[in-house]
């Protein structure tokens, strides 16, 4: 059995966030920028790996958003 998940997030600066995540992409967990949204796609045979990958993506998105918000205040 293969578990898959696709998230499409409408975020300010979605393209910049997507580019910041690309170095961490793997064969089974990818991110990108499509149609104005941050898109995260995960496909794995292990449910635990899927849950961990989603958590990892959000843990990596959070500081990027904070940094971009900090730059906007200057």
Protein backbone atom coordinates (compact mmCIF):
# COMPACT_ATOMS: atom_id res chain seq x y z
CA UNK A 1 0.00 0.00 0.00
CA UNK A 2 1.21 3.47 -0.85
CA UNK A 3 0.13 6.50 1.17
CA UNK A 4 0.07 9.84 -0.60
CA UNK A 5 -0.73 13.39 0.36
CA UNK A 6 -0.87 16.63 -1.60
CA UNK A 7 -1.11 19.97 0.19
CA UNK A 8 -1.73 23.24 -1.62
CA UNK A 9 -1.08 26.24 0.59
CA UNK A 10 -2.02 29.79 -0.37
CA UNK A 11 0.67 31.83 1.33
CA UNK A 12 2.20 35.24 0.80
CA UNK A 13 5.58 34.73 -0.87
CA UNK A 14 4.70 31.09 -1.70
CA UNK A 15 7.29 31.00 -4.49
CA UNK A 16 10.13 32.07 -2.18
CA UNK A 17 9.04 29.55 0.44
CA UNK A 18 8.90 26.78 -2.16
CA UNK A 19 12.41 27.60 -3.37
CA UNK A 20 13.72 27.54 0.20
CA UNK A 21 12.33 24.01 0.68
CA UNK A 22 13.64 22.52 -2.59
CA UNK A 23 17.10 21.52 -1.28
CA UNK A 24 15.41 19.14 1.18
CA UNK A 25 13.23 17.44 -1.45
CA UNK A 26 13.56 13.69 -1.78
CA UNK A 27 12.32 11.20 -4.34
CA UNK A 28 9.20 10.60 -2.23
CA UNK A 29 8.65 14.05 -0.63
CA UNK A 30 8.66 17.14 -2.85
CA UNK A 31 7.68 20.76 -2.71
CA UNK A 32 7.15 23.31 -5.43
CA UNK A 33 5.34 26.40 -6.60
CA UNK A 34 2.31 25.95 -8.86
CA UNK A 35 -0.56 28.27 -9.74
CA UNK A 36 0.40 30.75 -7.03
CA UNK A 37 0.54 28.15 -4.25
CA UNK A 38 3.11 26.23 -2.28
CA UNK A 39 2.52 22.59 -3.18
CA UNK A 40 3.82 19.74 -1.02
CA UNK A 41 3.51 16.16 -2.29
CA UNK A 42 4.45 13.08 -0.29
CA UNK A 43 4.18 9.46 -1.38
CA UNK A 44 5.47 6.63 0.81
CA UNK A 45 4.61 3.07 1.81
CA UNK A 46 4.88 3.98 5.50
CA UNK A 47 2.19 5.97 7.32
CA UNK A 48 4.70 7.10 9.96
CA UNK A 49 7.04 8.46 7.28
CA UNK A 50 4.16 10.43 5.77
CA UNK A 51 3.27 11.98 9.13
CA UNK A 52 6.93 12.79 9.87
CA UNK A 53 7.44 14.35 6.43
CA UNK A 54 4.40 16.62 6.84
CA UNK A 55 5.68 17.69 10.24
CA UNK A 56 9.16 18.34 8.81
CA UNK A 57 7.77 20.48 6.00
CA UNK A 58 5.76 22.63 8.41
CA UNK A 59 8.72 22.94 10.78
CA UNK A 60 10.77 24.24 7.82
CA UNK A 61 8.05 26.57 6.52
CA UNK A 62 7.54 28.30 9.86
CA UNK A 63 11.00 29.97 10.15
CA UNK A 64 10.93 31.02 6.49
CA UNK A 65 7.63 32.82 7.06
CA UNK A 66 9.06 34.45 10.21
CA UNK A 67 12.16 35.62 8.32
CA UNK A 68 10.10 37.02 5.45
CA UNK A 69 7.82 38.84 7.88
CA UNK A 70 10.88 40.31 9.59
CA UNK A 71 12.18 41.59 6.26
CA UNK A 72 8.84 43.26 5.52
CA UNK A 73 9.03 45.24 8.77
CA UNK A 74 12.31 46.88 7.80
